[in-house]
Amino acid sequence: MNDDDHLVETLISSEDVFSGTLLKVKLDHVRLPDGGESVREHIVHPGAVTVIAVLDNGKLLFERQYRHPLKQVFLELPAGKIDSGEPILDTARRELREETGYKAKSWRHLGVMHPCIGYSDEHIEIFLAHGLSYVGHERDREEFIEVVELSLADALLAVRDGEISDGKTIAGLFWAEKIFSGAWDIPA
């Protein structure tokens, strides 16, 4: 018996409420740990990656991009959706190249974050990339991105000042700060 069994909900039934090009919405009926029943709505997401891309000058690559749901431009780390069946490292390489025009010689998978655990199964894989060289971007036709370089210190100040509010970027910067300071030793 698992120590968490007293917290686990059991699926009774599931129905698709919506199926779009990126997201699906499900309505699940569950049995609660005490035997009662409840309903859970959640979004099914294919997953994504985010890349902490370190230039030779020590600065990090960021993007300024308009995000329609909030109707504003955000400053964020390069990131993108995992295509079906695509290995996550391939996604990271593809997204860095497409969006920023850079490729990297060295890659490390740092970890994963779950940005919206109350209503989505989305997971974002965090990568660190070094040895960057500019080879030209290959953006999708509908992507309009401005690439920006910031030091880690300036990026952290931007978080403090509310100029960076994107969750995956804040999580990535947390990892970067711990690794660059030597507080965390992440095996290659």
Protein backbone atom coordinates (compact mmCIF):
# COMPACT_ATOMS: atom_id res chain seq x y z
CA MET A 1 0.00 0.00 0.00
CA ASN A 2 1.31 3.44 -0.98
CA ASP A 3 1.47 6.16 1.69
CA ASP A 4 -0.55 8.45 -0.61
CA ASP A 5 -3.47 6.04 -1.18
CA HIS A 6 -5.65 7.93 1.31
CA LEU A 7 -5.42 11.02 -0.96
CA VAL A 8 -5.94 9.45 -4.39
CA GLU A 9 -9.10 9.92 -6.46
CA THR A 10 -10.29 7.11 -8.75
CA LEU A 11 -11.63 7.82 -12.24
CA ILE A 12 -15.23 6.67 -12.74
CA SER A 13 -15.82 8.12 -16.21
CA SER A 14 -14.40 10.73 -18.57
CA GLU A 15 -15.83 12.71 -21.44
CA ASP A 16 -14.28 15.04 -23.99
CA VAL A 17 -15.86 18.49 -23.74
CA PHE A 18 -13.70 20.24 -26.33
CA SER A 19 -10.93 19.24 -28.72
CA GLY A 20 -8.92 21.99 -30.41
CA THR A 21 -5.66 22.14 -32.33
CA LEU A 22 -3.55 22.49 -29.15
CA LEU A 23 -5.74 21.71 -26.15
CA LYS A 24 -8.46 19.31 -25.10
CA VAL A 25 -10.90 19.84 -22.23
CA LYS A 26 -12.13 16.84 -20.27
CA LEU A 27 -14.87 16.38 -17.69
CA ASP A 28 -14.06 13.52 -15.33
CA HIS A 29 -16.26 11.94 -12.69
CA VAL A 30 -14.13 10.68 -9.81
CA ARG A 31 -14.54 8.70 -6.62
CA LEU A 32 -13.06 10.57 -3.68
CA PRO A 33 -10.90 8.90 -1.03
CA ASP A 34 -13.85 8.90 1.41
CA GLY A 35 -16.12 7.11 -1.12
CA GLY A 36 -17.99 10.21 -2.29
CA GLU A 37 -18.08 11.41 -5.88
CA SER A 38 -17.10 14.65 -7.56
CA VAL A 39 -16.44 16.22 -10.95
CA ARG A 40 -13.06 17.38 -12.24
CA GLU A 41 -12.58 19.56 -15.33
CA HIS A 42 -9.10 19.70 -16.78
CA ILE A 43 -7.11 20.65 -19.84
CA VAL A 44 -5.01 18.05 -21.65
CA HIS A 45 -1.82 19.63 -22.99
CA PRO A 46 0.94 17.97 -25.07
CA GLY A 47 3.72 19.42 -22.90
CA ALA A 48 6.39 21.99 -23.64
CA VAL A 49 10.04 22.88 -23.13
CA THR A 50 11.78 26.02 -22.00
CA VAL A 51 15.44 26.79 -22.62
CA ILE A 52 17.92 28.72 -20.48
CA ALA A 53 20.25 29.66 -23.33
CA VAL A 54 23.57 31.11 -22.16
CA LEU A 55 25.57 33.25 -24.57
CA ASP A 56 29.39 33.36 -24.49
CA ASN A 57 29.15 36.80 -22.85
CA GLY A 58 27.23 35.20 -19.95
CA LYS A 59 23.91 36.78 -20.82
CA LEU A 60 20.73 34.77 -21.30
CA LEU A 61 18.46 34.81 -24.35
CA PHE A 62 14.91 36.03 -23.84
CA GLU A 63 12.00 36.75 -26.14
CA ARG A 64 9.46 39.51 -26.17
CA GLN A 65 6.24 38.10 -27.57
CA TYR A 66 2.56 39.06 -27.59
CA ARG A 67 0.37 36.55 -25.75
CA HIS A 68 -3.25 36.73 -26.82
CA PRO A 69 -4.99 35.33 -23.69
CA LEU A 70 -3.66 38.24 -21.60
CA LYS A 71 -3.50 40.75 -24.47
CA GLN A 72 0.04 41.92 -23.72
CA VAL A 73 3.68 41.45 -24.63
CA PHE A 74 5.66 39.22 -22.26
CA LEU A 75 9.38 38.82 -21.65
CA GLU A 76 10.12 35.11 -21.42
CA LEU A 77 12.68 32.39 -22.01
CA PRO A 78 12.52 30.58 -25.36
CA ALA A 79 9.94 27.81 -25.20
CA GLY A 80 7.58 25.74 -27.25
CA LYS A 81 5.21 22.81 -27.52
CA ILE A 82 6.39 19.22 -27.74
CA ASP A 83 5.18 17.65 -30.99
CA SER A 84 3.58 14.21 -30.76
CA GLY A 85 6.26 11.53 -30.41
CA GLU A 86 9.09 14.09 -30.41
CA PRO A 87 11.92 13.56 -27.89
CA ILE A 88 12.06 16.53 -25.52
CA LEU A 89 15.68 17.38 -26.36
CA ASP A 90 14.74 17.57 -30.04
CA THR A 91 11.91 19.95 -29.09
CA ALA A 92 14.33 22.15 -27.14
CA ARG A 93 16.81 22.26 -30.04
CA ARG A 94 14.04 23.00 -32.55
CA GLU A 95 12.44 25.75 -30.50
CA LEU A 96 15.73 27.49 -29.71
CA ARG A 97 16.63 27.52 -33.41
CA GLU A 98 13.16 28.46 -34.70
CA GLU A 99 12.56 31.31 -32.28
CA THR A 100 15.99 32.80 -31.60
CA GLY A 101 18.15 31.63 -34.50
CA TYR A 102 20.70 30.00 -32.18
CA LYS A 103 21.92 26.44 -31.88
CA ALA A 104 23.84 25.07 -28.90
CA LYS A 105 26.74 22.64 -28.54
CA SER A 106 25.95 21.63 -24.95
CA TRP A 107 22.55 20.66 -23.54
CA ARG A 108 21.47 19.61 -20.05
CA HIS A 109 18.00 18.61 -18.93
CA LEU A 110 17.47 20.26 -15.56
CA GLY A 111 14.01 19.18 -14.52
CA VAL A 112 10.30 19.58 -15.06
CA MET A 113 7.65 21.97 -13.81
CA HIS A 114 3.87 21.62 -13.77
CA PRO A 115 2.51 25.17 -14.16
CA CYS A 116 -1.22 24.62 -13.61
CA ILE A 117 -1.74 21.50 -11.46
CA GLY A 118 -5.29 22.43 -10.50
CA TYR A 119 -6.67 22.35 -14.03
CA SER A 120 -4.10 21.05 -16.54
CA ASP A 121 -1.72 18.12 -17.07
CA GLU A 122 0.80 20.41 -18.78
CA HIS A 123 4.45 19.74 -18.01
CA ILE A 124 7.34 21.96 -19.06
CA GLU A 125 10.78 20.40 -19.39
CA ILE A 126 13.60 22.81 -18.46
CA PHE A 127 16.88 22.74 -20.41
CA LEU A 128 20.18 24.56 -20.08
CA ALA A 129 22.06 25.30 -23.33
CA HIS A 130 25.68 26.50 -23.73
CA GLY A 131 28.03 27.00 -26.66
CA LEU A 132 25.57 29.04 -28.70
CA SER A 133 26.13 30.06 -32.29
CA TYR A 134 23.80 32.12 -34.43
CA VAL A 135 22.54 30.28 -37.52
CA GLY A 136 19.35 32.23 -38.32
CA HIS A 137 15.81 31.78 -37.02
CA GLU A 138 13.11 29.66 -38.65
CA ARG A 139 9.98 31.10 -37.05
CA ASP A 140 6.51 29.92 -37.88
CA ARG A 141 4.64 32.31 -40.15
CA GLU A 142 2.45 33.52 -37.28
CA GLU A 143 5.29 34.07 -34.77
CA PHE A 144 6.45 37.63 -34.14
CA ILE A 145 9.30 37.64 -31.65
CA GLU A 146 11.94 40.10 -30.53
CA VAL A 147 15.08 38.42 -29.09
CA VAL A 148 16.61 40.13 -26.04
CA GLU A 149 19.80 39.47 -24.05
CA LEU A 150 19.79 39.96 -20.27
CA SER A 151 22.18 39.07 -17.50
CA LEU A 152 20.82 36.72 -14.85
CA ALA A 153 20.97 39.56 -12.31
CA ASP A 154 18.94 41.88 -14.56
CA ALA A 155 16.43 39.10 -15.29
CA LEU A 156 15.94 38.47 -11.56
CA LEU A 157 15.39 42.21 -11.02
CA ALA A 158 12.82 42.10 -13.83
CA VAL A 159 11.00 39.33 -11.93
CA ARG A 160 11.11 41.42 -8.75
CA ASP A 161 9.82 44.48 -10.59
CA GLY A 162 6.99 42.61 -12.32
CA GLU A 163 8.50 42.91 -15.80
CA ILE A 164 8.80 39.12 -15.98
CA SER A 165 5.69 37.36 -14.71
CA ASP A 166 5.68 34.23 -16.88
CA GLY A 167 5.79 31.13 -14.66
CA LYS A 168 8.09 28.98 -16.80
CA THR A 169 10.57 31.84 -17.06
CA ILE A 170 10.54 32.45 -13.31
CA ALA A 171 11.06 28.72 -12.68
CA GLY A 172 13.89 28.62 -15.24
CA LEU A 173 15.58 31.61 -13.62
CA PHE A 174 15.31 29.94 -10.22
CA TRP A 175 17.16 26.91 -11.65
CA ALA A 176 19.73 29.15 -13.36
CA GLU A 177 20.44 31.08 -10.17
CA LYS A 178 20.97 27.88 -8.17
CA ILE A 179 23.22 26.29 -10.81
CA PHE A 180 25.28 29.40 -11.60
CA SER A 181 25.87 30.09 -7.90
CA GLY A 182 27.07 26.53 -7.34
CA ALA A 183 24.28 25.83 -4.82
CA TRP A 184 22.98 23.00 -7.02
CA ASP A 185 25.20 20.55 -8.86
CA ILE A 186 23.16 19.02 -11.65
CA PRO A 187 24.84 16.04 -13.35
CA ALA A 188 25.44 16.45 -17.08
